Amino acid sequence: MCLLKNQLYFQNWSLEIIGTDISEDALVSAHKGIYNQRSLEAVEDKLLQRHFSKMEDETLWQVKSSLKEMVEFQRHNLMEPMKLPPFDCIFIRNVLIYFDADSKKTVVKNLINALKDGGYLVVGPSEGIYDMLGILKKHSTFLYQKVNKI
């Protein structure tokens, strides 16, 4: 929604958004793009009207195709390295709360390796990995950058 809202700034960019999960069920659900009212309570009404359609069941909303078509969903286990070209930006939120400390270290290593030099890692407040991101440059509590050490 933010990219569409600011698309003029990105008109010369090649943008790809990839959402990953280890769960096939979660991927099927994400691909459908159907959300209940509670899931969307933080979405501004203007954005809700622009990017979602109310379904027959008045409590559900579906993502409009203009937004849905921007995202590709793939199965991926964060414990394993990504098999895609490096990313400019990776967002991770409410995922690592399910991992133990050693597993988090493996995931963080894989995330950092999946970033381009100069790329950004945006982490959620509950990930519990701030002490593992020392190799990255901290810009704020949730924003880190992979800097090329020359």
Protein backbone atom coordinates (compact mmCIF):
# COMPACT_ATOMS: atom_id res chain seq x y z
CA MET A 1 0.00 0.00 0.00
CA CYS A 2 2.87 2.36 0.81
CA LEU A 3 4.58 1.60 -2.49
CA LEU A 4 1.40 2.21 -4.46
CA LYS A 5 0.77 5.42 -2.55
CA ASN A 6 4.28 6.63 -3.44
CA GLN A 7 4.63 5.00 -6.86
CA LEU A 8 5.75 8.23 -8.55
CA TYR A 9 8.93 8.14 -6.45
CA PHE A 10 9.62 4.60 -7.64
CA GLN A 11 8.59 4.87 -11.29
CA ASN A 12 12.09 4.04 -12.58
CA TRP A 13 12.62 1.21 -10.12
CA SER A 14 12.13 -2.48 -10.67
CA LEU A 15 10.20 -3.59 -7.59
CA GLU A 16 9.58 -7.15 -6.51
CA ILE A 17 7.91 -8.12 -3.25
CA ILE A 18 8.33 -11.68 -2.02
CA GLY A 19 6.49 -12.96 1.03
CA THR A 20 7.72 -16.18 2.55
CA ASP A 21 6.52 -18.69 5.10
CA ILE A 22 7.33 -22.28 5.95
CA SER A 23 3.63 -23.13 6.23
CA GLU A 24 1.76 -24.03 3.04
CA ASP A 25 -1.51 -23.12 4.79
CA ALA A 26 -0.17 -19.65 5.63
CA LEU A 27 0.91 -19.17 2.01
CA VAL A 28 -2.51 -20.21 0.70
CA SER A 29 -4.15 -17.80 3.15
CA ALA A 30 -1.77 -14.97 2.19
CA HIS A 31 -2.40 -15.59 -1.50
CA LYS A 32 -6.17 -15.35 -0.94
CA GLY A 33 -5.65 -12.02 0.81
CA ILE A 34 -8.75 -12.26 2.99
CA TYR A 35 -8.69 -10.52 6.37
CA ASN A 36 -11.16 -9.98 9.19
CA GLN A 37 -11.96 -6.53 10.50
CA ARG A 38 -9.71 -6.96 13.55
CA SER A 39 -6.66 -7.69 11.39
CA LEU A 40 -7.21 -4.42 9.54
CA GLU A 41 -8.05 -2.14 12.45
CA ALA A 42 -4.74 -0.24 12.13
CA VAL A 43 -5.30 0.41 8.41
CA GLU A 44 -6.54 3.93 7.67
CA ASP A 45 -10.09 3.97 6.31
CA LYS A 46 -8.92 5.70 3.11
CA LEU A 47 -6.39 2.91 2.44
CA LEU A 48 -8.89 0.24 3.39
CA GLN A 49 -11.39 1.54 0.84
CA ARG A 50 -8.71 1.92 -1.86
CA HIS A 51 -7.01 -1.46 -1.49
CA PHE A 52 -9.66 -3.84 -0.10
CA SER A 53 -13.15 -4.96 -1.06
CA LYS A 54 -15.74 -5.90 1.53
CA MET A 55 -16.90 -9.47 1.01
CA GLU A 56 -20.44 -10.86 1.25
CA ASP A 57 -19.66 -11.77 4.83
CA GLU A 58 -19.59 -8.19 6.11
CA THR A 59 -16.81 -9.02 8.57
CA LEU A 60 -14.26 -9.96 5.88
CA TRP A 61 -12.20 -7.88 3.46
CA GLN A 62 -10.24 -9.06 0.41
CA VAL A 63 -7.16 -7.40 -1.02
CA LYS A 64 -7.84 -5.89 -4.45
CA SER A 65 -5.92 -7.37 -7.37
CA SER A 66 -3.93 -4.14 -7.94
CA LEU A 67 -2.21 -4.76 -4.61
CA LYS A 68 -2.27 -8.55 -4.63
CA GLU A 69 -0.48 -8.76 -7.98
CA MET A 70 2.52 -6.91 -6.55
CA VAL A 71 3.41 -9.78 -4.21
CA GLU A 72 4.77 -13.24 -4.92
CA PHE A 73 4.52 -15.84 -2.15
CA GLN A 74 7.07 -18.62 -1.74
CA ARG A 75 7.69 -21.38 0.77
CA HIS A 76 10.92 -20.83 2.68
CA ASN A 77 12.46 -22.13 5.90
CA LEU A 78 14.37 -19.28 7.57
CA MET A 79 16.80 -21.84 9.01
CA GLU A 80 18.12 -22.32 5.48
CA PRO A 81 19.85 -19.81 3.17
CA MET A 82 17.71 -18.04 0.57
CA LYS A 83 18.07 -19.32 -2.97
CA LEU A 84 17.27 -15.96 -4.53
CA PRO A 85 19.41 -12.98 -5.50
CA PRO A 86 20.24 -10.67 -2.56
CA PHE A 87 17.54 -8.29 -1.36
CA ASP A 88 17.62 -4.51 -0.94
CA CYS A 89 15.31 -4.75 2.05
CA ILE A 90 14.04 -7.54 4.29
CA PHE A 91 11.18 -7.13 6.76
CA ILE A 92 10.75 -9.62 9.58
CA ARG A 93 8.09 -9.29 12.23
CA ASN A 94 6.56 -11.62 14.83
CA VAL A 95 8.47 -14.59 13.47
CA LEU A 96 11.54 -15.15 15.61
CA ILE A 97 9.57 -15.26 18.85
CA TYR A 98 9.07 -18.94 18.02
CA PHE A 99 12.82 -19.71 17.77
CA ASP A 100 15.35 -20.56 20.47
CA ALA A 101 18.58 -18.52 20.77
CA ASP A 102 20.72 -20.81 18.59
CA SER A 103 18.08 -20.97 15.88
CA LYS A 104 17.75 -17.18 15.95
CA LYS A 105 21.51 -16.89 15.33
CA THR A 106 21.20 -19.14 12.29
CA VAL A 107 18.24 -17.16 10.95
CA VAL A 108 20.00 -13.82 11.51
CA LYS A 109 23.08 -15.10 9.66
CA ASN A 110 20.85 -16.22 6.77
CA LEU A 111 19.01 -12.89 6.70
CA ILE A 112 22.24 -10.90 6.66
CA ASN A 113 23.64 -13.11 3.91
CA ALA A 114 20.44 -12.55 1.92
CA LEU A 115 20.95 -8.76 1.98
CA LYS A 116 22.83 -6.82 -0.67
CA ASP A 117 25.65 -4.60 0.57
CA GLY A 118 23.85 -1.42 1.57
CA GLY A 119 20.59 -3.35 2.05
CA TYR A 120 18.28 -2.85 5.02
CA LEU A 121 16.87 -5.21 7.61
CA VAL A 122 13.66 -4.03 9.30
CA VAL A 123 12.85 -6.00 12.45
CA GLY A 124 9.77 -6.11 14.62
CA PRO A 125 9.85 -5.19 18.29
CA SER A 126 9.38 -8.74 19.55
CA GLU A 127 12.10 -10.55 17.57
CA GLY A 128 14.66 -10.54 20.39
CA ILE A 129 17.68 -10.35 18.06
CA TYR A 130 19.02 -6.84 18.66
CA ASP A 131 22.16 -8.22 20.31
CA MET A 132 22.79 -10.38 17.20
CA LEU A 133 22.83 -7.53 14.70
CA GLY A 134 26.20 -6.02 15.62
CA ILE A 135 27.57 -6.62 12.12
CA LEU A 136 24.87 -4.26 10.78
CA LYS A 137 24.78 -0.49 11.12
CA LYS A 138 21.94 0.55 13.41
CA HIS A 139 19.85 3.47 12.12
CA SER A 140 17.05 3.11 14.67
CA THR A 141 15.60 0.50 17.00
CA PHE A 142 14.04 -1.37 14.09
CA LEU A 143 16.20 -0.38 11.09
CA TYR A 144 19.61 -1.87 10.34
CA GLN A 145 21.86 -1.67 7.29
CA LYS A 146 24.43 -4.04 5.86
CA VAL A 147 27.46 -1.89 5.17
CA ASN A 148 30.36 -3.02 3.03
CA LYS A 149 33.47 -3.19 5.19
CA ILE A 150 36.27 -2.13 2.84
